[in-house]
Amino acid sequence: MIIREPQRFRDEAGFRFSTEPVPPGGLYAFEARHQVGPPMATPLIVVDVMPIARAVAGAIQNARTASRRTAAREEVKHAIEEYCDAQPDRGAGIQMCSISLEIR
């Protein structure tokens, strides 16, 4: 009596024993990328824009801070002027009122 059993590895279509190179990410990832859209070409130049964006955001923040400081100084200067004007003799005996406006 002779028993014959077929060679399963060669008969089944699911196994591929080839020497072809495997695409990056494997065959299934390669096929999925091609189904989603056309393959993307590798760019010649890569520019990281995050440092540029951070620099622009920092410059904008610095400009806003400087503007707020200037506005705050002007507000304080105006409040001192109002206070000194409300005092008798325009605040002649008060040190804060005797300081020049440019120094304030």
PDB file of N, CA and C in Angstrom:
ATOM      1  N   MET A   1       0.834  -1.161   0.000  1.00  0.00           N
ATOM      2  CA  MET A   1       0.000   0.000   0.000  1.00  0.00           C
ATOM      3  C   MET A   1       0.899   1.251   0.000  1.00  0.00           C
ATOM      4  N   ILE A   2       0.563   2.222  -0.841  1.00  0.00           N
ATOM      5  CA  ILE A   2       1.322   3.453  -0.973  1.00  0.00           C
ATOM      6  C   ILE A   2       0.412   4.623  -0.599  1.00  0.00           C
ATOM      7  N   ILE A   3       0.909   5.467   0.295  1.00  0.00           N
ATOM      8  CA  ILE A   3       0.147   6.656   0.711  1.00  0.00           C
ATOM      9  C   ILE A   3       0.846   7.875   0.110  1.00  0.00           C
ATOM     10  N   ARG A   4       0.049   8.671  -0.609  1.00  0.00           N
ATOM     11  CA  ARG A   4       0.603   9.889  -1.205  1.00  0.00           C
ATOM     12  C   ARG A   4      -0.094  11.105  -0.611  1.00  0.00           C
ATOM     13  N   GLU A   5       0.699  12.034  -0.229  1.00  0.00           N
ATOM     14  CA  GLU A   5       0.164  13.284   0.318  1.00  0.00           C
ATOM     15  C   GLU A   5       0.724  14.428  -0.527  1.00  0.00           C
ATOM     16  N   PRO A   6      -0.157  15.319  -0.971  1.00  0.00           N
ATOM     17  CA  PRO A   6       0.332  16.409  -1.826  1.00  0.00           C
ATOM     18  C   PRO A   6       1.207  17.381  -1.034  1.00  0.00           C
ATOM     19  N   GLN A   7       2.108  18.019  -1.708  1.00  0.00           N
ATOM     20  CA  GLN A   7       2.947  19.026  -1.062  1.00  0.00           C
ATOM     21  C   GLN A   7       2.133  20.311  -0.934  1.00  0.00           C
ATOM     22  N   ARG A   8       1.815  20.665   0.258  1.00  0.00           N
ATOM     23  CA  ARG A   8       0.909  21.790   0.495  1.00  0.00           C
ATOM     24  C   ARG A   8       1.557  23.145   0.219  1.00  0.00           C
ATOM     25  N   PHE A   9       2.802  23.282   0.484  1.00  0.00           N
ATOM     26  CA  PHE A   9       3.429  24.586   0.320  1.00  0.00           C
ATOM     27  C   PHE A   9       3.489  25.008  -1.137  1.00  0.00           C
ATOM     28  N   ARG A  10       3.603  24.128  -2.024  1.00  0.00           N
ATOM     29  CA  ARG A  10       3.674  24.485  -3.433  1.00  0.00           C
ATOM     30  C   ARG A  10       2.290  24.547  -4.065  1.00  0.00           C
ATOM     31  N   ASP A  11       1.327  23.853  -3.516  1.00  0.00           N
ATOM     32  CA  ASP A  11      -0.002  23.810  -4.102  1.00  0.00           C
ATOM     33  C   ASP A  11      -0.857  25.007  -3.710  1.00  0.00           C
ATOM     34  N   GLU A  12      -0.681  25.555  -2.535  1.00  0.00           N
ATOM     35  CA  GLU A  12      -1.518  26.660  -2.073  1.00  0.00           C
ATOM     36  C   GLU A  12      -1.033  27.976  -2.671  1.00  0.00           C
ATOM     37  N   ALA A  13      -1.978  28.831  -3.067  1.00  0.00           N
ATOM     38  CA  ALA A  13      -1.646  30.096  -3.724  1.00  0.00           C
ATOM     39  C   ALA A  13      -1.234  31.175  -2.720  1.00  0.00           C
ATOM     40  N   GLY A  14      -1.512  30.994  -1.452  1.00  0.00           N
ATOM     41  CA  GLY A  14      -1.228  32.015  -0.455  1.00  0.00           C
ATOM     42  C   GLY A  14       0.246  32.199  -0.153  1.00  0.00           C
ATOM     43  N   PHE A  15       1.071  31.204  -0.423  1.00  0.00           N
ATOM     44  CA  PHE A  15       2.493  31.309  -0.127  1.00  0.00           C
ATOM     45  C   PHE A  15       3.251  31.662  -1.392  1.00  0.00           C
ATOM     46  N   ARG A  16       4.145  32.624  -1.240  1.00  0.00           N
ATOM     47  CA  ARG A  16       4.999  33.000  -2.364  1.00  0.00           C
ATOM     48  C   ARG A  16       6.448  32.835  -1.924  1.00  0.00           C
ATOM     49  N   PHE A  17       7.119  32.010  -2.640  1.00  0.00           N
ATOM     50  CA  PHE A  17       8.530  31.824  -2.361  1.00  0.00           C
ATOM     51  C   PHE A  17       9.309  32.389  -3.547  1.00  0.00           C
ATOM     52  N   SER A  18       9.522  33.702  -3.496  1.00  0.00           N
ATOM     53  CA  SER A  18      10.244  34.324  -4.599  1.00  0.00           C
ATOM     54  C   SER A  18      11.392  35.149  -4.033  1.00  0.00           C
ATOM     55  N   THR A  19      12.273  35.546  -4.903  1.00  0.00           N
ATOM     56  CA  THR A  19      13.420  36.336  -4.478  1.00  0.00           C
ATOM     57  C   THR A  19      13.236  37.808  -4.821  1.00  0.00           C
ATOM     58  N   GLU A  20      12.010  38.244  -5.097  1.00  0.00           N
ATOM     59  CA  GLU A  20      11.751  39.643  -5.406  1.00  0.00           C
ATOM     60  C   GLU A  20      11.952  40.499  -4.154  1.00  0.00           C
ATOM     61  N   PRO A  21      12.391  41.753  -4.335  1.00  0.00           N
ATOM     62  CA  PRO A  21      12.539  42.615  -3.153  1.00  0.00           C
ATOM     63  C   PRO A  21      11.180  42.977  -2.564  1.00  0.00           C
ATOM     64  N   VAL A  22      11.131  43.091  -1.252  1.00  0.00           N
ATOM     65  CA  VAL A  22       9.888  43.426  -0.560  1.00  0.00           C
ATOM     66  C   VAL A  22       9.777  44.947  -0.487  1.00  0.00           C
ATOM     67  N   PRO A  23       8.621  45.521  -0.882  1.00  0.00           N
ATOM     68  CA  PRO A  23       8.468  46.980  -0.808  1.00  0.00           C
ATOM     69  C   PRO A  23       8.461  47.456   0.644  1.00  0.00           C
ATOM     70  N   PRO A  24       8.791  48.743   0.879  1.00  0.00           N
ATOM     71  CA  PRO A  24       8.796  49.262   2.247  1.00  0.00           C
ATOM     72  C   PRO A  24       7.428  49.127   2.904  1.00  0.00           C
ATOM     73  N   GLY A  25       7.408  48.642   4.116  1.00  0.00           N
ATOM     74  CA  GLY A  25       6.165  48.463   4.843  1.00  0.00           C
ATOM     75  C   GLY A  25       5.491  47.132   4.561  1.00  0.00           C
ATOM     76  N   GLY A  26       6.025  46.343   3.639  1.00  0.00           N
ATOM     77  CA  GLY A  26       5.434  45.059   3.301  1.00  0.00           C
ATOM     78  C   GLY A  26       4.520  45.173   2.100  1.00  0.00           C
ATOM     79  N   LEU A  27       4.129  44.021   1.577  1.00  0.00           N
ATOM     80  CA  LEU A  27       3.330  43.975   0.356  1.00  0.00           C
ATOM     81  C   LEU A  27       1.942  44.577   0.559  1.00  0.00           C
ATOM     82  N   TYR A  28       1.318  44.305   1.682  1.00  0.00           N
ATOM     83  CA  TYR A  28      -0.041  44.803   1.898  1.00  0.00           C
ATOM     84  C   TYR A  28      -0.066  46.321   2.065  1.00  0.00           C
ATOM     85  N   ALA A  29       0.910  46.890   2.752  1.00  0.00           N
ATOM     86  CA  ALA A  29       0.992  48.348   2.895  1.00  0.00           C
ATOM     87  C   ALA A  29       1.253  48.990   1.542  1.00  0.00           C
ATOM     88  N   PHE A  30       2.079  48.351   0.719  1.00  0.00           N
ATOM     89  CA  PHE A  30       2.368  48.860  -0.621  1.00  0.00           C
ATOM     90  C   PHE A  30       1.098  48.894  -1.461  1.00  0.00           C
ATOM     91  N   GLU A  31       0.331  47.815  -1.414  1.00  0.00           N
ATOM     92  CA  GLU A  31      -0.922  47.764  -2.179  1.00  0.00           C
ATOM     93  C   GLU A  31      -1.939  48.772  -1.649  1.00  0.00           C
ATOM     94  N   ALA A  32      -2.008  48.944  -0.340  1.00  0.00           N
ATOM     95  CA  ALA A  32      -2.959  49.902   0.242  1.00  0.00           C
ATOM     96  C   ALA A  32      -2.603  51.331  -0.174  1.00  0.00           C
ATOM     97  N   ARG A  33      -1.323  51.662  -0.197  1.00  0.00           N
ATOM     98  CA  ARG A  33      -0.922  53.005  -0.631  1.00  0.00           C
ATOM     99  C   ARG A  33      -1.316  53.245  -2.081  1.00  0.00           C
ATOM    100  N   HIS A  34      -1.211  52.247  -2.911  1.00  0.00           N
ATOM    101  CA  HIS A  34      -1.564  52.414  -4.323  1.00  0.00           C
ATOM    102  C   HIS A  34      -3.078  52.489  -4.530  1.00  0.00           C
ATOM    103  N   GLN A  35      -3.842  51.895  -3.636  1.00  0.00           N
ATOM    104  CA  GLN A  35      -5.296  51.985  -3.750  1.00  0.00           C
ATOM    105  C   GLN A  35      -5.796  53.344  -3.300  1.00  0.00           C
ATOM    106  N   VAL A  36      -5.143  53.958  -2.330  1.00  0.00           N
ATOM    107  CA  VAL A  36      -5.551  55.259  -1.816  1.00  0.00           C
ATOM    108  C   VAL A  36      -5.296  56.344  -2.852  1.00  0.00           C
ATOM    109  N   GLY A  37      -4.178  56.326  -3.478  1.00  0.00           N
ATOM    110  CA  GLY A  37      -3.840  57.349  -4.458  1.00  0.00           C
ATOM    111  C   GLY A  37      -2.574  56.977  -5.193  1.00  0.00           C
ATOM    112  N   PRO A  38      -2.171  57.822  -6.120  1.00  0.00           N
ATOM    113  CA  PRO A  38      -0.953  57.506  -6.859  1.00  0.00           C
ATOM    114  C   PRO A  38       0.261  57.577  -5.943  1.00  0.00           C
ATOM    115  N   PRO A  39       1.290  56.827  -6.270  1.00  0.00           N
ATOM    116  CA  PRO A  39       2.476  56.854  -5.406  1.00  0.00           C
ATOM    117  C   PRO A  39       3.127  58.229  -5.435  1.00  0.00           C
ATOM    118  N   MET A  40       3.575  58.671  -4.269  1.00  0.00           N
ATOM    119  CA  MET A  40       4.202  59.982  -4.146  1.00  0.00           C
ATOM    120  C   MET A  40       5.679  59.863  -4.515  1.00  0.00           C
ATOM    121  N   ALA A  41       6.147  60.835  -5.252  1.00  0.00           N
ATOM    122  CA  ALA A  41       7.560  60.863  -5.594  1.00  0.00           C
ATOM    123  C   ALA A  41       8.352  61.406  -4.408  1.00  0.00           C
ATOM    124  N   THR A  42       9.564  60.989  -4.279  1.00  0.00           N
ATOM    125  CA  THR A  42      10.422  61.479  -3.216  1.00  0.00           C
ATOM    126  C   THR A  42      10.840  62.907  -3.553  1.00  0.00           C
ATOM    127  N   PRO A  43      10.618  63.855  -2.658  1.00  0.00           N
ATOM    128  CA  PRO A  43      10.975  65.244  -2.963  1.00  0.00           C
ATOM    129  C   PRO A  43      12.487  65.423  -3.050  1.00  0.00           C
ATOM    130  N   LEU A  44      12.900  66.355  -3.904  1.00  0.00           N
ATOM    131  CA  LEU A  44      14.320  66.645  -4.038  1.00  0.00           C
ATOM    132  C   LEU A  44      14.840  67.451  -2.858  1.00  0.00           C
ATOM    133  N   ILE A  45      13.997  68.356  -2.350  1.00  0.00           N
ATOM    134  CA  ILE A  45      14.386  69.215  -1.233  1.00  0.00           C
ATOM    135  C   ILE A  45      13.323  69.101  -0.154  1.00  0.00           C
ATOM    136  N   VAL A  46      13.762  68.928   1.063  1.00  0.00           N
ATOM    137  CA  VAL A  46      12.842  68.868   2.197  1.00  0.00           C
ATOM    138  C   VAL A  46      13.166  70.056   3.104  1.00  0.00           C
ATOM    139  N   VAL A  47      12.139  70.869   3.391  1.00  0.00           N
ATOM    140  CA  VAL A  47      12.317  72.035   4.243  1.00  0.00           C
ATOM    141  C   VAL A  47      11.431  71.872   5.472  1.00  0.00           C
ATOM    142  N   ASP A  48      12.034  71.957   6.626  1.00  0.00           N
ATOM    143  CA  ASP A  48      11.278  71.891   7.872  1.00  0.00           C
ATOM    144  C   ASP A  48      10.786  73.303   8.189  1.00  0.00           C
ATOM    145  N   VAL A  49       9.475  73.525   8.101  1.00  0.00           N
ATOM    146  CA  VAL A  49       8.920  74.867   8.292  1.00  0.00           C
ATOM    147  C   VAL A  49       8.580  75.169   9.743  1.00  0.00           C
ATOM    148  N   MET A  50       8.681  74.201  10.621  1.00  0.00           N
ATOM    149  CA  MET A  50       8.336  74.452  12.021  1.00  0.00           C
ATOM    150  C   MET A  50       9.251  75.492  12.678  1.00  0.00           C
ATOM    151  N   PRO A  51      10.580  75.465  12.479  1.00  0.00           N
ATOM    152  CA  PRO A  51      11.399  76.527  13.073  1.00  0.00           C
ATOM    153  C   PRO A  51      11.052  77.905  12.517  1.00  0.00           C
ATOM    154  N   ILE A  52      10.721  77.962  11.245  1.00  0.00           N
ATOM    155  CA  ILE A  52      10.331  79.242  10.646  1.00  0.00           C
ATOM    156  C   ILE A  52       9.026  79.725  11.270  1.00  0.00           C
ATOM    157  N   ALA A  53       8.065  78.818  11.404  1.00  0.00           N
ATOM    158  CA  ALA A  53       6.776  79.182  11.998  1.00  0.00           C
ATOM    159  C   ALA A  53       6.949  79.623  13.451  1.00  0.00           C
ATOM    160  N   ARG A  54       7.817  78.934  14.187  1.00  0.00           N
ATOM    161  CA  ARG A  54       8.057  79.322  15.582  1.00  0.00           C
ATOM    162  C   ARG A  54       8.701  80.704  15.663  1.00  0.00           C
ATOM    163  N   ALA A  55       9.633  80.992  14.748  1.00  0.00           N
ATOM    164  CA  ALA A  55      10.286  82.300  14.740  1.00  0.00           C
ATOM    165  C   ALA A  55       9.291  83.405  14.429  1.00  0.00           C
ATOM    166  N   VAL A  56       8.400  83.155  13.463  1.00  0.00           N
ATOM    167  CA  VAL A  56       7.384  84.154  13.118  1.00  0.00           C
ATOM    168  C   VAL A  56       6.430  84.358  14.291  1.00  0.00           C
ATOM    169  N   ALA A  57       6.004  83.266  14.910  1.00  0.00           N
ATOM    170  CA  ALA A  57       5.105  83.369  16.058  1.00  0.00           C
ATOM    171  C   ALA A  57       5.780  84.108  17.213  1.00  0.00           C
ATOM    172  N   GLY A  58       7.065  83.849  17.431  1.00  0.00           N
ATOM    173  CA  GLY A  58       7.806  84.552  18.486  1.00  0.00           C
ATOM    174  C   GLY A  58       7.923  86.040  18.203  1.00  0.00           C
ATOM    175  N   ALA A  59       8.168  86.392  16.927  1.00  0.00           N
ATOM    176  CA  ALA A  59       8.264  87.811  16.559  1.00  0.00           C
ATOM    177  C   ALA A  59       6.926  88.514  16.763  1.00  0.00           C
ATOM    178  N   ILE A  60       5.854  87.843  16.395  1.00  0.00           N
ATOM    179  CA  ILE A  60       4.514  88.429  16.593  1.00  0.00           C
ATOM    180  C   ILE A  60       4.238  88.605  18.085  1.00  0.00           C
ATOM    181  N   GLN A  61       4.587  87.611  18.878  1.00  0.00           N
ATOM    182  CA  GLN A  61       4.375  87.693  20.331  1.00  0.00           C
ATOM    183  C   GLN A  61       5.196  88.824  20.933  1.00  0.00           C
ATOM    184  N   ASN A  62       6.441  88.970  20.489  1.00  0.00           N
ATOM    185  CA  ASN A  62       7.291  90.056  21.003  1.00  0.00           C
ATOM    186  C   ASN A  62       6.724  91.424  20.624  1.00  0.00           C
ATOM    187  N   ALA A  63       6.200  91.550  19.408  1.00  0.00           N
ATOM    188  CA  ALA A  63       5.607  92.818  18.986  1.00  0.00           C
ATOM    189  C   ALA A  63       4.363  93.136  19.812  1.00  0.00           C
ATOM    190  N   ARG A  64       3.553  92.126  20.080  1.00  0.00           N
ATOM    191  CA  ARG A  64       2.354  92.343  20.909  1.00  0.00           C
ATOM    192  C   ARG A  64       2.742  92.753  22.325  1.00  0.00           C
ATOM    193  N   THR A  65       3.758  92.087  22.882  1.00  0.00           N
ATOM    194  CA  THR A  65       4.206  92.413  24.237  1.00  0.00           C
ATOM    195  C   THR A  65       4.728  93.841  24.301  1.00  0.00           C
ATOM    196  N   ALA A  66       5.523  94.245  23.307  1.00  0.00           N
ATOM    197  CA  ALA A  66       6.053  95.609  23.283  1.00  0.00           C
ATOM    198  C   ALA A  66       4.925  96.628  23.165  1.00  0.00           C
ATOM    199  N   SER A  67       3.923  96.308  22.346  1.00  0.00           N
ATOM    200  CA  SER A  67       2.784  97.214  22.191  1.00  0.00           C
ATOM    201  C   SER A  67       1.997  97.343  23.496  1.00  0.00           C
ATOM    202  N   ARG A  68       1.806  96.221  24.178  1.00  0.00           N
ATOM    203  CA  ARG A  68       1.090  96.258  25.463  1.00  0.00           C
ATOM    204  C   ARG A  68       1.869  97.044  26.516  1.00  0.00           C
ATOM    205  N   ARG A  69       3.188  96.887  26.530  1.00  0.00           N
ATOM    206  CA  ARG A  69       4.008  97.638  27.490  1.00  0.00           C
ATOM    207  C   ARG A  69       3.922  99.130  27.232  1.00  0.00           C
ATOM    208  N   THR A  70       3.997  99.508  25.963  1.00  0.00           N
ATOM    209  CA  THR A  70       3.900 100.929  25.616  1.00  0.00           C
ATOM    210  C   THR A  70       2.545 101.486  26.020  1.00  0.00           C
ATOM    211  N   ALA A  71       1.484 100.734  25.752  1.00  0.00           N
ATOM    212  CA  ALA A  71       0.139 101.177  26.121  1.00  0.00           C
ATOM    213  C   ALA A  71       0.009 101.299  27.641  1.00  0.00           C
ATOM    214  N   ALA A  72       0.594 100.349  28.377  1.00  0.00           N
ATOM    215  CA  ALA A  72       0.527 100.401  29.844  1.00  0.00           C
ATOM    216  C   ALA A  72       1.283 101.607  30.384  1.00  0.00           C
ATOM    217  N   ARG A  73       2.464 101.900  29.813  1.00  0.00           N
ATOM    218  CA  ARG A  73       3.225 103.079  30.253  1.00  0.00           C
ATOM    219  C   ARG A  73       2.456 104.364  29.997  1.00  0.00           C
ATOM    220  N   GLU A  74       1.843 104.455  28.828  1.00  0.00           N
ATOM    221  CA  GLU A  74       1.049 105.648  28.504  1.00  0.00           C
ATOM    222  C   GLU A  74      -0.142 105.793  29.450  1.00  0.00           C
ATOM    223  N   GLU A  75      -0.762 104.673  29.800  1.00  0.00           N
ATOM    224  CA  GLU A  75      -1.898 104.711  30.714  1.00  0.00           C
ATOM    225  C   GLU A  75      -1.470 105.183  32.105  1.00  0.00           C
ATOM    226  N   VAL A  76      -0.337 104.682  32.584  1.00  0.00           N
ATOM    227  CA  VAL A  76       0.169 105.100  33.896  1.00  0.00           C
ATOM    228  C   VAL A  76       0.540 106.574  33.864  1.00  0.00           C
ATOM    229  N   LYS A  77       1.210 107.004  32.792  1.00  0.00           N
ATOM    230  CA  LYS A  77       1.605 108.411  32.665  1.00  0.00           C
ATOM    231  C   LYS A  77       0.370 109.320  32.664  1.00  0.00           C
ATOM    232  N   HIS A  78      -0.660 108.908  31.972  1.00  0.00           N
ATOM    233  CA  HIS A  78      -1.902 109.686  31.924  1.00  0.00           C
ATOM    234  C   HIS A  78      -2.571 109.733  33.303  1.00  0.00           C
ATOM    235  N   ALA A  79      -2.564 108.599  34.013  1.00  0.00           N
ATOM    236  CA  ALA A  79      -3.164 108.556  35.355  1.00  0.00           C
ATOM    237  C   ALA A  79      -2.402 109.464  36.323  1.00  0.00           C
ATOM    238  N   ILE A  80      -1.076 109.496  36.221  1.00  0.00           N
ATOM    239  CA  ILE A  80      -0.275 110.380  37.088  1.00  0.00           C
ATOM    240  C   ILE A  80      -0.586 111.839  36.776  1.00  0.00           C
ATOM    241  N   GLU A  81      -0.693 112.167  35.493  1.00  0.00           N
ATOM    242  CA  GLU A  81      -1.024 113.539  35.101  1.00  0.00           C
ATOM    243  C   GLU A  81      -2.387 113.956  35.655  1.00  0.00           C
ATOM    244  N   GLU A  82      -3.366 113.071  35.557  1.00  0.00           N
ATOM    245  CA  GLU A  82      -4.702 113.376  36.103  1.00  0.00           C
ATOM    246  C   GLU A  82      -4.643 113.578  37.610  1.00  0.00           C
ATOM    247  N   TYR A  83      -3.878 112.713  38.283  1.00  0.00           N
ATOM    248  CA  TYR A  83      -3.753 112.817  39.736  1.00  0.00           C
ATOM    249  C   TYR A  83      -3.099 114.148  40.119  1.00  0.00           C
ATOM    250  N   CYS A  84      -2.004 114.482  39.444  1.00  0.00           N
ATOM    251  CA  CYS A  84      -1.284 115.716  39.780  1.00  0.00           C
ATOM    252  C   CYS A  84      -2.121 116.949  39.467  1.00  0.00           C
ATOM    253  N   ASP A  85      -2.889 116.893  38.380  1.00  0.00           N
ATOM    254  CA  ASP A  85      -3.751 118.027  38.034  1.00  0.00           C
ATOM    255  C   ASP A  85      -4.865 118.218  39.057  1.00  0.00           C
ATOM    256  N   ALA A  86      -5.278 117.148  39.713  1.00  0.00           N
ATOM    257  CA  ALA A  86      -6.363 117.233  40.691  1.00  0.00           C
ATOM    258  C   ALA A  86      -5.880 117.739  42.054  1.00  0.00           C
ATOM    259  N   GLN A  87      -4.569 117.764  42.273  1.00  0.00           N
ATOM    260  CA  GLN A  87      -4.012 118.204  43.555  1.00  0.00           C
ATOM    261  C   GLN A  87      -3.898 119.738  43.585  1.00  0.00           C
ATOM    262  N   PRO A  88      -3.900 120.307  44.802  1.00  0.00           N
ATOM    263  CA  PRO A  88      -3.707 121.755  44.905  1.00  0.00           C
ATOM    264  C   PRO A  88      -2.337 122.148  44.360  1.00  0.00           C
ATOM    265  N   ASP A  89      -2.280 123.247  43.672  1.00  0.00           N
ATOM    266  CA  ASP A  89      -1.064 123.740  43.033  1.00  0.00           C
ATOM    267  C   ASP A  89      -0.454 122.694  42.092  1.00  0.00           C
ATOM    268  N   ARG A  90      -1.326 121.904  41.499  1.00  0.00           N
ATOM    269  CA  ARG A  90      -0.920 120.850  40.549  1.00  0.00           C
ATOM    270  C   ARG A  90       0.119 119.906  41.161  1.00  0.00           C
ATOM    271  N   GLY A  91      -0.011 119.647  42.441  1.00  0.00           N
ATOM    272  CA  GLY A  91       0.859 118.696  43.132  1.00  0.00           C
ATOM    273  C   GLY A  91       2.266 119.202  43.320  1.00  0.00           C
ATOM    274  N   ALA A  92       2.421 120.466  43.631  1.00  0.00           N
ATOM    275  CA  ALA A  92       3.751 121.083  43.746  1.00  0.00           C
ATOM    276  C   ALA A  92       4.606 120.429  44.823  1.00  0.00           C
ATOM    277  N   GLY A  93       4.045 119.963  45.917  1.00  0.00           N
ATOM    278  CA  GLY A  93       4.838 119.366  46.995  1.00  0.00           C
ATOM    279  C   GLY A  93       4.989 117.856  46.845  1.00  0.00           C
ATOM    280  N   ILE A  94       4.427 117.282  45.832  1.00  0.00           N
ATOM    281  CA  ILE A  94       4.468 115.827  45.663  1.00  0.00           C
ATOM    282  C   ILE A  94       5.598 115.488  44.685  1.00  0.00           C
ATOM    283  N   GLN A  95       6.481 114.588  45.105  1.00  0.00           N
ATOM    284  CA  GLN A  95       7.655 114.252  44.302  1.00  0.00           C
ATOM    285  C   GLN A  95       7.274 113.678  42.946  1.00  0.00           C
ATOM    286  N   MET A  96       6.284 112.824  42.918  1.00  0.00           N
ATOM    287  CA  MET A  96       5.867 112.186  41.672  1.00  0.00           C
ATOM    288  C   MET A  96       5.400 113.235  40.662  1.00  0.00           C
ATOM    289  N   CYS A  97       4.793 114.303  41.147  1.00  0.00           N
ATOM    290  CA  CYS A  97       4.271 115.328  40.241  1.00  0.00           C
ATOM    291  C   CYS A  97       5.354 116.280  39.764  1.00  0.00           C
ATOM    292  N   SER A  98       6.493 116.310  40.475  1.00  0.00           N
ATOM    293  CA  SER A  98       7.560 117.239  40.082  1.00  0.00           C
ATOM    294  C   SER A  98       8.520 116.614  39.075  1.00  0.00           C
ATOM    295  N   ILE A  99       8.409 115.304  38.801  1.00  0.00           N
ATOM    296  CA  ILE A  99       9.288 114.635  37.847  1.00  0.00           C
ATOM    297  C   ILE A  99       8.827 114.986  36.431  1.00  0.00           C
ATOM    298  N   SER A 100       9.766 115.167  35.550  1.00  0.00           N
ATOM    299  CA  SER A 100       9.472 115.530  34.166  1.00  0.00           C
ATOM    300  C   SER A 100       8.648 114.427  33.493  1.00  0.00           C
ATOM    301  N   LEU A 101       7.822 114.803  32.534  1.00  0.00           N
ATOM    302  CA  LEU A 101       6.968 113.852  31.835  1.00  0.00           C
ATOM    303  C   LEU A 101       7.774 112.850  31.021  1.00  0.00           C
ATOM    304  N   GLU A 102       8.951 113.239  30.511  1.00  0.00           N
ATOM    305  CA  GLU A 102       9.772 112.335  29.714  1.00  0.00           C
ATOM    306  C   GLU A 102      10.374 111.210  30.564  1.00  0.00           C
ATOM    307  N   ILE A 103      10.625 111.506  31.834  1.00  0.00           N
ATOM    308  CA  ILE A 103      11.210 110.513  32.726  1.00  0.00           C
ATOM    309  C   ILE A 103      10.167 109.521  33.180  1.00  0.00           C
ATOM    310  N   ARG A 104       8.957 109.981  33.369  1.00  0.00           N
ATOM    311  CA  ARG A 104       7.888 109.088  33.844  1.00  0.00           C
ATOM    312  C   ARG A 104       7.706 107.996  32.914  1.00  0.00           C
TER     313      ARG A 104
END
